[in-house]
PDB file of N, CA and C in Angstrom:
ATOM      1  N   MET A   1       0.849  -1.163   0.000  1.00  0.00           N
ATOM      2  CA  MET A   1       0.000   0.000   0.000  1.00  0.00           C
ATOM      3  C   MET A   1       0.899   1.232   0.000  1.00  0.00           C
ATOM      4  N   ALA A   2       0.646   2.146  -0.927  1.00  0.00           N
ATOM      5  CA  ALA A   2       1.465   3.345  -1.022  1.00  0.00           C
ATOM      6  C   ALA A   2       1.148   4.279   0.139  1.00  0.00           C
ATOM      7  N   MET A   3       2.187   4.895   0.657  1.00  0.00           N
ATOM      8  CA  MET A   3       2.010   5.797   1.788  1.00  0.00           C
ATOM      9  C   MET A   3       1.958   7.235   1.301  1.00  0.00           C
ATOM     10  N   ALA A   4       0.994   7.984   1.781  1.00  0.00           N
ATOM     11  CA  ALA A   4       0.869   9.390   1.429  1.00  0.00           C
ATOM     12  C   ALA A   4       1.932  10.197   2.160  1.00  0.00           C
ATOM     13  N   LYS A   5       2.286  11.322   1.574  1.00  0.00           N
ATOM     14  CA  LYS A   5       3.312  12.165   2.185  1.00  0.00           C
ATOM     15  C   LYS A   5       2.877  12.696   3.540  1.00  0.00           C
ATOM     16  N   SER A   6       1.565  12.855   3.741  1.00  0.00           N
ATOM     17  CA  SER A   6       1.078  13.425   4.995  1.00  0.00           C
ATOM     18  C   SER A   6       1.017  12.406   6.133  1.00  0.00           C
ATOM     19  N   ASP A   7       1.297  11.121   5.849  1.00  0.00           N
ATOM     20  CA  ASP A   7       1.274  10.113   6.906  1.00  0.00           C
ATOM     21  C   ASP A   7       2.357  10.403   7.936  1.00  0.00           C
ATOM     22  N   SER A   8       1.988  10.267   9.188  1.00  0.00           N
ATOM     23  CA  SER A   8       2.958  10.451  10.250  1.00  0.00           C
ATOM     24  C   SER A   8       3.894   9.254  10.302  1.00  0.00           C
ATOM     25  N   VAL A   9       4.985   9.401  10.968  1.00  0.00           N
ATOM     26  CA  VAL A   9       5.924   8.301  11.144  1.00  0.00           C
ATOM     27  C   VAL A   9       5.215   7.146  11.850  1.00  0.00           C
ATOM     28  N   TYR A  10       4.375   7.461  12.811  1.00  0.00           N
ATOM     29  CA  TYR A  10       3.628   6.434  13.524  1.00  0.00           C
ATOM     30  C   TYR A  10       2.749   5.629  12.569  1.00  0.00           C
ATOM     31  N   GLU A  11       2.011   6.323  11.682  1.00  0.00           N
ATOM     32  CA  GLU A  11       1.131   5.629  10.739  1.00  0.00           C
ATOM     33  C   GLU A  11       1.936   4.752   9.784  1.00  0.00           C
ATOM     34  N   GLN A  12       3.057   5.227   9.328  1.00  0.00           N
ATOM     35  CA  GLN A  12       3.915   4.436   8.449  1.00  0.00           C
ATOM     36  C   GLN A  12       4.407   3.184   9.174  1.00  0.00           C
ATOM     37  N   PHE A  13       4.813   3.367  10.429  1.00  0.00           N
ATOM     38  CA  PHE A  13       5.289   2.235  11.230  1.00  0.00           C
ATOM     39  C   PHE A  13       4.160   1.234  11.479  1.00  0.00           C
ATOM     40  N   ARG A  14       2.988   1.743  11.829  1.00  0.00           N
ATOM     41  CA  ARG A  14       1.837   0.886  12.109  1.00  0.00           C
ATOM     42  C   ARG A  14       1.456   0.066  10.883  1.00  0.00           C
ATOM     43  N   ARG A  15       1.415   0.691   9.727  1.00  0.00           N
ATOM     44  CA  ARG A  15       1.072  -0.040   8.496  1.00  0.00           C
ATOM     45  C   ARG A  15       2.106  -1.115   8.183  1.00  0.00           C
ATOM     46  N   ALA A  16       3.372  -0.745   8.307  1.00  0.00           N
ATOM     47  CA  ALA A  16       4.438  -1.703   7.992  1.00  0.00           C
ATOM     48  C   ALA A  16       4.408  -2.896   8.943  1.00  0.00           C
ATOM     49  N   THR A  17       4.225  -2.636  10.229  1.00  0.00           N
ATOM     50  CA  THR A  17       4.219  -3.735  11.193  1.00  0.00           C
ATOM     51  C   THR A  17       2.959  -4.583  11.067  1.00  0.00           C
ATOM     52  N   THR A  18       1.829  -3.968  10.759  1.00  0.00           N
ATOM     53  CA  THR A  18       0.599  -4.737  10.574  1.00  0.00           C
ATOM     54  C   THR A  18       0.728  -5.647   9.364  1.00  0.00           C
ATOM     55  N   THR A  19       1.288  -5.124   8.276  1.00  0.00           N
ATOM     56  CA  THR A  19       1.496  -5.938   7.079  1.00  0.00           C
ATOM     57  C   THR A  19       2.411  -7.117   7.383  1.00  0.00           C
ATOM     58  N   ALA A  20       3.502  -6.851   8.086  1.00  0.00           N
ATOM     59  CA  ALA A  20       4.445  -7.919   8.444  1.00  0.00           C
ATOM     60  C   ALA A  20       3.774  -8.949   9.352  1.00  0.00           C
ATOM     61  N   LEU A  21       2.993  -8.488  10.308  1.00  0.00           N
ATOM     62  CA  LEU A  21       2.286  -9.399  11.211  1.00  0.00           C
ATOM     63  C   LEU A  21       1.304 -10.282  10.449  1.00  0.00           C
ATOM     64  N   LEU A  22       0.526  -9.696   9.557  1.00  0.00           N
ATOM     65  CA  LEU A  22      -0.441 -10.475   8.778  1.00  0.00           C
ATOM     66  C   LEU A  22       0.264 -11.543   7.947  1.00  0.00           C
ATOM     67  N   ARG A  23       1.350 -11.179   7.302  1.00  0.00           N
ATOM     68  CA  ARG A  23       2.104 -12.153   6.498  1.00  0.00           C
ATOM     69  C   ARG A  23       2.641 -13.285   7.369  1.00  0.00           C
ATOM     70  N   TRP A  24       3.180 -12.932   8.529  1.00  0.00           N
ATOM     71  CA  TRP A  24       3.763 -13.935   9.424  1.00  0.00           C
ATOM     72  C   TRP A  24       2.691 -14.891   9.941  1.00  0.00           C
ATOM     73  N   VAL A  25       1.544 -14.344  10.372  1.00  0.00           N
ATOM     74  CA  VAL A  25       0.471 -15.181  10.913  1.00  0.00           C
ATOM     75  C   VAL A  25      -0.063 -16.121   9.829  1.00  0.00           C
ATOM     76  N   LEU A  26      -0.254 -15.603   8.614  1.00  0.00           N
ATOM     77  CA  LEU A  26      -0.725 -16.469   7.528  1.00  0.00           C
ATOM     78  C   LEU A  26       0.276 -17.585   7.249  1.00  0.00           C
ATOM     79  N   GLU A  27       1.550 -17.258   7.295  1.00  0.00           N
ATOM     80  CA  GLU A  27       2.584 -18.278   7.077  1.00  0.00           C
ATOM     81  C   GLU A  27       2.538 -19.332   8.182  1.00  0.00           C
ATOM     82  N   GLN A  28       2.401 -18.899   9.428  1.00  0.00           N
ATOM     83  CA  GLN A  28       2.358 -19.828  10.549  1.00  0.00           C
ATOM     84  C   GLN A  28       1.124 -20.724  10.503  1.00  0.00           C
ATOM     85  N   CYS A  29       0.048 -20.223   9.932  1.00  0.00           N
ATOM     86  CA  CYS A  29      -1.203 -20.975   9.855  1.00  0.00           C
ATOM     87  C   CYS A  29      -1.338 -21.730   8.537  1.00  0.00           C
ATOM     88  N   GLY A  30      -0.279 -21.811   7.774  1.00  0.00           N
ATOM     89  CA  GLY A  30      -0.354 -22.519   6.497  1.00  0.00           C
ATOM     90  C   GLY A  30      -1.321 -21.863   5.529  1.00  0.00           C
ATOM     91  N   ASN A  31      -1.452 -20.554   5.624  1.00  0.00           N
ATOM     92  CA  ASN A  31      -2.353 -19.745   4.800  1.00  0.00           C
ATOM     93  C   ASN A  31      -3.826 -20.096   5.030  1.00  0.00           C
ATOM     94  N   ASP A  32      -4.120 -20.725   6.170  1.00  0.00           N
ATOM     95  CA  ASP A  32      -5.504 -21.029   6.553  1.00  0.00           C
ATOM     96  C   ASP A  32      -6.061 -19.758   7.196  1.00  0.00           C
ATOM     97  N   ARG A  33      -6.884 -19.063   6.465  1.00  0.00           N
ATOM     98  CA  ARG A  33      -7.355 -17.744   6.917  1.00  0.00           C
ATOM     99  C   ARG A  33      -8.298 -17.837   8.110  1.00  0.00           C
ATOM    100  N   THR A  34      -9.018 -18.932   8.237  1.00  0.00           N
ATOM    101  CA  THR A  34      -9.887 -19.106   9.406  1.00  0.00           C
ATOM    102  C   THR A  34      -9.042 -19.224  10.669  1.00  0.00           C
ATOM    103  N   ARG A  35      -7.985 -20.057  10.624  1.00  0.00           N
ATOM    104  CA  ARG A  35      -7.086 -20.189  11.775  1.00  0.00           C
ATOM    105  C   ARG A  35      -6.381 -18.877  12.073  1.00  0.00           C
ATOM    106  N   ALA A  36      -5.953 -18.173  11.017  1.00  0.00           N
ATOM    107  CA  ALA A  36      -5.260 -16.899  11.206  1.00  0.00           C
ATOM    108  C   ALA A  36      -6.171 -15.890  11.898  1.00  0.00           C
ATOM    109  N   ALA A  37      -7.427 -15.838  11.486  1.00  0.00           N
ATOM    110  CA  ALA A  37      -8.379 -14.912  12.106  1.00  0.00           C
ATOM    111  C   ALA A  37      -8.565 -15.237  13.582  1.00  0.00           C
ATOM    112  N   LYS A  38      -8.694 -16.528  13.904  1.00  0.00           N
ATOM    113  CA  LYS A  38      -8.847 -16.924  15.307  1.00  0.00           C
ATOM    114  C   LYS A  38      -7.612 -16.552  16.118  1.00  0.00           C
ATOM    115  N   LEU A  39      -6.429 -16.781  15.550  1.00  0.00           N
ATOM    116  CA  LEU A  39      -5.194 -16.461  16.245  1.00  0.00           C
ATOM    117  C   LEU A  39      -5.085 -14.969  16.541  1.00  0.00           C
ATOM    118  N   LEU A  40      -5.566 -14.150  15.608  1.00  0.00           N
ATOM    119  CA  LEU A  40      -5.508 -12.697  15.779  1.00  0.00           C
ATOM    120  C   LEU A  40      -6.689 -12.143  16.574  1.00  0.00           C
ATOM    121  N   GLY A  41      -7.650 -12.992  16.891  1.00  0.00           N
ATOM    122  CA  GLY A  41      -8.826 -12.529  17.633  1.00  0.00           C
ATOM    123  C   GLY A  41      -9.774 -11.718  16.767  1.00  0.00           C
ATOM    124  N   LEU A  42      -9.815 -12.053  15.463  1.00  0.00           N
ATOM    125  CA  LEU A  42     -10.667 -11.345  14.519  1.00  0.00           C
ATOM    126  C   LEU A  42     -11.697 -12.292  13.938  1.00  0.00           C
ATOM    127  N   SER A  43     -12.746 -11.720  13.391  1.00  0.00           N
ATOM    128  CA  SER A  43     -13.653 -12.521  12.577  1.00  0.00           C
ATOM    129  C   SER A  43     -12.982 -12.722  11.226  1.00  0.00           C
ATOM    130  N   ARG A  44     -13.472 -13.692  10.453  1.00  0.00           N
ATOM    131  CA  ARG A  44     -12.909 -13.882   9.112  1.00  0.00           C
ATOM    132  C   ARG A  44     -13.121 -12.631   8.266  1.00  0.00           C
ATOM    133  N   ALA A  45     -14.280 -11.995   8.416  1.00  0.00           N
ATOM    134  CA  ALA A  45     -14.556 -10.773   7.657  1.00  0.00           C
ATOM    135  C   ALA A  45     -13.570  -9.669   8.044  1.00  0.00           C
ATOM    136  N   GLY A  46     -13.259  -9.576   9.338  1.00  0.00           N
ATOM    137  CA  GLY A  46     -12.287  -8.584   9.796  1.00  0.00           C
ATOM    138  C   GLY A  46     -10.905  -8.839   9.231  1.00  0.00           C
ATOM    139  N   LEU A  47     -10.522 -10.115   9.178  1.00  0.00           N
ATOM    140  CA  LEU A  47      -9.227 -10.459   8.604  1.00  0.00           C
ATOM    141  C   LEU A  47      -9.192 -10.106   7.127  1.00  0.00           C
ATOM    142  N   TYR A  48     -10.248 -10.449   6.390  1.00  0.00           N
ATOM    143  CA  TYR A  48     -10.292 -10.127   4.967  1.00  0.00           C
ATOM    144  C   TYR A  48     -10.221  -8.620   4.737  1.00  0.00           C
ATOM    145  N   LYS A  49     -10.858  -7.853   5.611  1.00  0.00           N
ATOM    146  CA  LYS A  49     -10.802  -6.394   5.488  1.00  0.00           C
ATOM    147  C   LYS A  49      -9.365  -5.906   5.647  1.00  0.00           C
ATOM    148  N   LEU A  50      -8.658  -6.427   6.655  1.00  0.00           N
ATOM    149  CA  LEU A  50      -7.255  -6.053   6.848  1.00  0.00           C
ATOM    150  C   LEU A  50      -6.385  -6.499   5.673  1.00  0.00           C
ATOM    151  N   LEU A  51      -6.615  -7.723   5.191  1.00  0.00           N
ATOM    152  CA  LEU A  51      -5.843  -8.218   4.055  1.00  0.00           C
ATOM    153  C   LEU A  51      -6.051  -7.328   2.839  1.00  0.00           C
ATOM    154  N   HIS A  52      -7.278  -6.896   2.627  1.00  0.00           N
ATOM    155  CA  HIS A  52      -7.567  -6.001   1.502  1.00  0.00           C
ATOM    156  C   HIS A  52      -6.887  -4.641   1.699  1.00  0.00           C
ATOM    157  N   GLN A  53      -6.970  -4.095   2.899  1.00  0.00           N
ATOM    158  CA  GLN A  53      -6.357  -2.794   3.178  1.00  0.00           C
ATOM    159  C   GLN A  53      -4.846  -2.818   2.992  1.00  0.00           C
ATOM    160  N   HIS A  54      -4.226  -3.951   3.229  1.00  0.00           N
ATOM    161  CA  HIS A  54      -2.767  -4.063   3.132  1.00  0.00           C
ATOM    162  C   HIS A  54      -2.326  -4.769   1.842  1.00  0.00           C
ATOM    163  N   ASP A  55      -3.240  -4.849   0.885  1.00  0.00           N
ATOM    164  CA  ASP A  55      -2.956  -5.452  -0.427  1.00  0.00           C
ATOM    165  C   ASP A  55      -2.386  -6.862  -0.304  1.00  0.00           C
ATOM    166  N   LEU A  56      -2.921  -7.652   0.612  1.00  0.00           N
ATOM    167  CA  LEU A  56      -2.445  -9.017   0.832  1.00  0.00           C
ATOM    168  C   LEU A  56      -3.494 -10.059   0.493  1.00  0.00           C
ATOM    169  N   LEU A  57      -4.586  -9.642  -0.071  1.00  0.00           N
ATOM    170  CA  LEU A  57      -5.691 -10.567  -0.267  1.00  0.00           C
ATOM    171  C   LEU A  57      -5.329 -11.735  -1.160  1.00  0.00           C
ATOM    172  N   ASP A  58      -4.550 -11.525  -2.197  1.00  0.00           N
ATOM    173  CA  ASP A  58      -4.213 -12.613  -3.097  1.00  0.00           C
ATOM    174  C   ASP A  58      -2.747 -12.982  -3.036  1.00  0.00           C
ATOM    175  N   SER A  59      -2.017 -12.480  -2.064  1.00  0.00           N
ATOM    176  CA  SER A  59      -0.594 -12.802  -1.979  1.00  0.00           C
ATOM    177  C   SER A  59      -0.349 -13.818  -0.879  1.00  0.00           C
ATOM    178  N   GLY A  60       0.877 -14.236  -0.733  1.00  0.00           N
ATOM    179  CA  GLY A  60       1.226 -15.154   0.341  1.00  0.00           C
ATOM    180  C   GLY A  60       1.225 -16.598  -0.097  1.00  0.00           C
ATOM    181  N   GLY A  61       1.231 -16.832  -1.395  1.00  0.00           N
ATOM    182  CA  GLY A  61       1.293 -18.205  -1.875  1.00  0.00           C
ATOM    183  C   GLY A  61      -0.073 -18.781  -2.114  1.00  0.00           C
ATOM    184  N   PRO A  62      -0.104 -20.050  -2.457  1.00  0.00           N
ATOM    185  CA  PRO A  62      -1.377 -20.685  -2.759  1.00  0.00           C
ATOM    186  C   PRO A  62      -2.240 -20.828  -1.521  1.00  0.00           C
ATOM    187  N   ARG A  63      -3.547 -20.757  -1.732  1.00  0.00           N
ATOM    188  CA  ARG A  63      -4.468 -20.923  -0.611  1.00  0.00           C
ATOM    189  C   ARG A  63      -4.529 -22.384  -0.218  1.00  0.00           C
ATOM    190  N   ARG A  64      -4.727 -22.603   1.051  1.00  0.00           N
ATOM    191  CA  ARG A  64      -4.886 -23.960   1.566  1.00  0.00           C
ATOM    192  C   ARG A  64      -6.224 -24.485   1.093  1.00  0.00           C
ATOM    193  N   PRO A  65      -6.257 -25.687   0.545  1.00  0.00           N
ATOM    194  CA  PRO A  65      -7.544 -26.212   0.085  1.00  0.00           C
ATOM    195  C   PRO A  65      -8.487 -26.425   1.262  1.00  0.00           C
ATOM    196  N   GLY A  66      -9.720 -26.050   1.043  1.00  0.00           N
ATOM    197  CA  GLY A  66     -10.721 -26.207   2.087  1.00  0.00           C
ATOM    198  C   GLY A  66     -11.324 -27.592   2.056  1.00  0.00           C
ATOM    199  N   PRO A  67     -12.290 -27.850   2.916  1.00  0.00           N
ATOM    200  CA  PRO A  67     -12.934 -29.165   2.929  1.00  0.00           C
ATOM    201  C   PRO A  67     -13.695 -29.380   1.627  1.00  0.00           C
ATOM    202  N   ARG A  68     -13.722 -30.618   1.185  1.00  0.00           N
ATOM    203  CA  ARG A  68     -14.450 -30.942  -0.035  1.00  0.00           C
ATOM    204  C   ARG A  68     -15.928 -30.925   0.254  1.00  0.00           C
ATOM    205  N   ARG A  69     -16.656 -30.339  -0.651  1.00  0.00           N
ATOM    206  CA  ARG A  69     -18.102 -30.274  -0.476  1.00  0.00           C
ATOM    207  C   ARG A  69     -18.772 -31.041  -1.595  1.00  0.00           C
ATOM    208  N   ARG A  70     -19.805 -31.746  -1.231  1.00  0.00           N
ATOM    209  CA  ARG A  70     -20.565 -32.492  -2.233  1.00  0.00           C
ATOM    210  C   ARG A  70     -21.501 -31.537  -2.937  1.00  0.00           C
ATOM    211  N   SER A  71     -21.622 -31.707  -4.240  1.00  0.00           N
ATOM    212  CA  SER A  71     -22.555 -30.874  -4.982  1.00  0.00           C
ATOM    213  C   SER A  71     -23.959 -31.418  -4.774  1.00  0.00           C
ATOM    214  N   GLY A  72     -24.910 -30.547  -4.590  1.00  0.00           N
ATOM    215  CA  GLY A  72     -26.276 -30.958  -4.312  1.00  0.00           C
ATOM    216  C   GLY A  72     -27.092 -31.256  -5.547  1.00  0.00           C
ATOM    217  N   GLY A  73     -26.618 -30.893  -6.760  1.00  0.00           N
ATOM    218  CA  GLY A  73     -27.416 -31.052  -7.951  1.00  0.00           C
ATOM    219  C   GLY A  73     -27.272 -32.387  -8.642  1.00  0.00           C
ATOM    220  N   SER A  74     -26.485 -33.288  -8.177  1.00  0.00           N
ATOM    221  CA  SER A  74     -26.238 -34.551  -8.863  1.00  0.00           C
ATOM    222  C   SER A  74     -26.962 -35.686  -8.169  1.00  0.00           C
ATOM    223  N   ASP A  75     -27.468 -36.616  -8.987  1.00  0.00           N
ATOM    224  CA  ASP A  75     -28.105 -37.805  -8.418  1.00  0.00           C
ATOM    225  C   ASP A  75     -27.092 -38.879  -8.087  1.00  0.00           C
ATOM    226  N   GLN A  76     -25.867 -38.750  -8.582  1.00  0.00           N
ATOM    227  CA  GLN A  76     -24.852 -39.761  -8.330  1.00  0.00           C
ATOM    228  C   GLN A  76     -24.449 -39.753  -6.867  1.00  0.00           C
ATOM    229  N   GLY A  77     -24.497 -40.914  -6.271  1.00  0.00           N
ATOM    230  CA  GLY A  77     -24.046 -41.052  -4.894  1.00  0.00           C
ATOM    231  C   GLY A  77     -24.987 -40.459  -3.871  1.00  0.00           C
ATOM    232  N   SER A  78     -26.230 -40.138  -4.289  1.00  0.00           N
ATOM    233  CA  SER A  78     -27.142 -39.512  -3.340  1.00  0.00           C
ATOM    234  C   SER A  78     -27.704 -40.509  -2.342  1.00  0.00           C
ATOM    235  N   ASP A  79     -27.739 -41.789  -2.701  1.00  0.00           N
ATOM    236  CA  ASP A  79     -28.219 -42.814  -1.784  1.00  0.00           C
ATOM    237  C   ASP A  79     -27.026 -43.367  -1.019  1.00  0.00           C
ATOM    238  N   PRO A  80     -26.929 -43.104   0.303  1.00  0.00           N
ATOM    239  CA  PRO A  80     -25.749 -43.541   1.039  1.00  0.00           C
ATOM    240  C   PRO A  80     -25.563 -45.047   1.045  1.00  0.00           C
ATOM    241  N   GLY A  81     -26.612 -45.832   0.781  1.00  0.00           N
ATOM    242  CA  GLY A  81     -26.495 -47.271   0.799  1.00  0.00           C
ATOM    243  C   GLY A  81     -26.038 -47.859  -0.524  1.00  0.00           C
ATOM    244  N   SER A  82     -26.052 -47.064  -1.593  1.00  0.00           N
ATOM    245  CA  SER A  82     -25.659 -47.616  -2.890  1.00  0.00           C
ATOM    246  C   SER A  82     -24.204 -47.296  -3.169  1.00  0.00           C
ATOM    247  N   ASP A  83     -23.550 -48.194  -3.909  1.00  0.00           N
ATOM    248  CA  ASP A  83     -22.172 -47.967  -4.307  1.00  0.00           C
ATOM    249  C   ASP A  83     -22.105 -47.434  -5.718  1.00  0.00           C
ATOM    250  N   ALA A  84     -23.248 -47.177  -6.352  1.00  0.00           N
ATOM    251  CA  ALA A  84     -23.269 -46.657  -7.712  1.00  0.00           C
ATOM    252  C   ALA A  84     -22.924 -45.180  -7.700  1.00  0.00           C
ATOM    253  N   GLY A  85     -22.453 -44.693  -8.835  1.00  0.00           N
ATOM    254  CA  GLY A  85     -22.178 -43.270  -8.956  1.00  0.00           C
ATOM    255  C   GLY A  85     -20.748 -42.938  -8.606  1.00  0.00           C
ATOM    256  N   SER A  86     -20.503 -41.664  -8.513  1.00  0.00           N
ATOM    257  CA  SER A  86     -19.141 -41.212  -8.259  1.00  0.00           C
ATOM    258  C   SER A  86     -18.768 -41.416  -6.801  1.00  0.00           C
ATOM    259  N   ASN A  87     -17.487 -41.384  -6.567  1.00  0.00           N
ATOM    260  CA  ASN A  87     -16.986 -41.529  -5.208  1.00  0.00           C
ATOM    261  C   ASN A  87     -16.789 -40.125  -4.644  1.00  0.00           C
ATOM    262  N   ALA A  88     -17.835 -39.556  -4.053  1.00  0.00           N
ATOM    263  CA  ALA A  88     -17.765 -38.208  -3.508  1.00  0.00           C
ATOM    264  C   ALA A  88     -16.701 -38.148  -2.431  1.00  0.00           C
ATOM    265  N   GLY A  89     -15.844 -37.166  -2.531  1.00  0.00           N
ATOM    266  CA  GLY A  89     -14.762 -37.032  -1.563  1.00  0.00           C
ATOM    267  C   GLY A  89     -13.505 -37.753  -1.992  1.00  0.00           C
ATOM    268  N   ASN A  90     -13.560 -38.520  -3.075  1.00  0.00           N
ATOM    269  CA  ASN A  90     -12.408 -39.228  -3.630  1.00  0.00           C
ATOM    270  C   ASN A  90     -11.713 -40.144  -2.639  1.00  0.00           C
ATOM    271  N   GLU A  91     -12.436 -40.708  -1.712  1.00  0.00           N
ATOM    272  CA  GLU A  91     -11.856 -41.677  -0.781  1.00  0.00           C
ATOM    273  C   GLU A  91     -12.019 -43.068  -1.377  1.00  0.00           C
ATOM    274  N   PRO A  92     -11.120 -43.978  -1.043  1.00  0.00           N
ATOM    275  CA  PRO A  92     -11.319 -45.358  -1.488  1.00  0.00           C
ATOM    276  C   PRO A  92     -12.655 -45.868  -0.964  1.00  0.00           C
ATOM    277  N   PRO A  93     -13.368 -46.703  -1.756  1.00  0.00           N
ATOM    278  CA  PRO A  93     -14.700 -47.146  -1.339  1.00  0.00           C
ATOM    279  C   PRO A  93     -14.720 -47.814   0.029  1.00  0.00           C
ATOM    280  N   VAL A  94     -13.695 -48.609   0.346  1.00  0.00           N
ATOM    281  CA  VAL A  94     -13.674 -49.279   1.648  1.00  0.00           C
ATOM    282  C   VAL A  94     -13.561 -48.244   2.755  1.00  0.00           C
ATOM    283  N   ARG A  95     -12.696 -47.249   2.561  1.00  0.00           N
ATOM    284  CA  ARG A  95     -12.524 -46.209   3.577  1.00  0.00           C
ATOM    285  C   ARG A  95     -13.822 -45.439   3.787  1.00  0.00           C
ATOM    286  N   ALA A  96     -14.514 -45.086   2.686  1.00  0.00           N
ATOM    287  CA  ALA A  96     -15.779 -44.365   2.804  1.00  0.00           C
ATOM    288  C   ALA A  96     -16.805 -45.215   3.545  1.00  0.00           C
ATOM    289  N   ALA A  97     -16.832 -46.519   3.270  1.00  0.00           N
ATOM    290  CA  ALA A  97     -17.776 -47.411   3.955  1.00  0.00           C
ATOM    291  C   ALA A  97     -17.430 -47.518   5.438  1.00  0.00           C
ATOM    292  N   GLU A  98     -16.138 -47.547   5.750  1.00  0.00           N
ATOM    293  CA  GLU A  98     -15.735 -47.587   7.165  1.00  0.00           C
ATOM    294  C   GLU A  98     -16.185 -46.332   7.884  1.00  0.00           C
ATOM    295  N   ASP A  99     -16.036 -45.188   7.231  1.00  0.00           N
ATOM    296  CA  ASP A  99     -16.426 -43.949   7.851  1.00  0.00           C
ATOM    297  C   ASP A  99     -17.927 -43.894   8.124  1.00  0.00           C
ATOM    298  N   ARG A 100     -18.712 -44.526   7.256  1.00  0.00           N
ATOM    299  CA  ARG A 100     -20.166 -44.550   7.464  1.00  0.00           C
ATOM    300  C   ARG A 100     -20.583 -45.671   8.412  1.00  0.00           C
ATOM    301  N   GLY A 101     -19.630 -46.506   8.852  1.00  0.00           N
ATOM    302  CA  GLY A 101     -19.930 -47.611   9.746  1.00  0.00           C
ATOM    303  C   GLY A 101     -20.551 -48.794   9.051  1.00  0.00           C
ATOM    304  N   GLU A 102     -20.393 -48.879   7.712  1.00  0.00           N
ATOM    305  CA  GLU A 102     -21.015 -49.950   6.945  1.00  0.00           C
ATOM    306  C   GLU A 102     -20.049 -51.081   6.647  1.00  0.00           C
ATOM    307  N   TYR A 103     -18.794 -50.955   6.960  1.00  0.00           N
ATOM    308  CA  TYR A 103     -17.811 -51.967   6.609  1.00  0.00           C
ATOM    309  C   TYR A 103     -17.059 -52.422   7.838  1.00  0.00           C
ATOM    310  N   THR A 104     -17.051 -53.709   8.060  1.00  0.00           N
ATOM    311  CA  THR A 104     -16.233 -54.268   9.143  1.00  0.00           C
ATOM    312  C   THR A 104     -15.474 -55.447   8.574  1.00  0.00           C
ATOM    313  N   PRO A 105     -14.165 -55.443   8.668  1.00  0.00           N
ATOM    314  CA  PRO A 105     -13.358 -56.530   8.090  1.00  0.00           C
ATOM    315  C   PRO A 105     -13.555 -57.849   8.810  1.00  0.00           C
TER     316      PRO A 105
END
């Protein structure tokens, strides 16, 4: 973020240290913004606001992949008892059955 000439030394210092802190916390949290927000005592929206203000919203490396979500518009795999259709979550079928409590060796 460019600093205006009228910024006080304090404001320049505050911006620089806040930017450094945000980068460090994101690095420590593996770029998991939810964890970073909790660590900083902020809401996720508050963290995003700070990231935007400090031009960090898209920087800091690749984003950590979030949990996989099943799409609601497909009929494939909608019946938990059937093995037909796609393997939602890309888990091996035995592992998925174990997680649902349907498989015992």
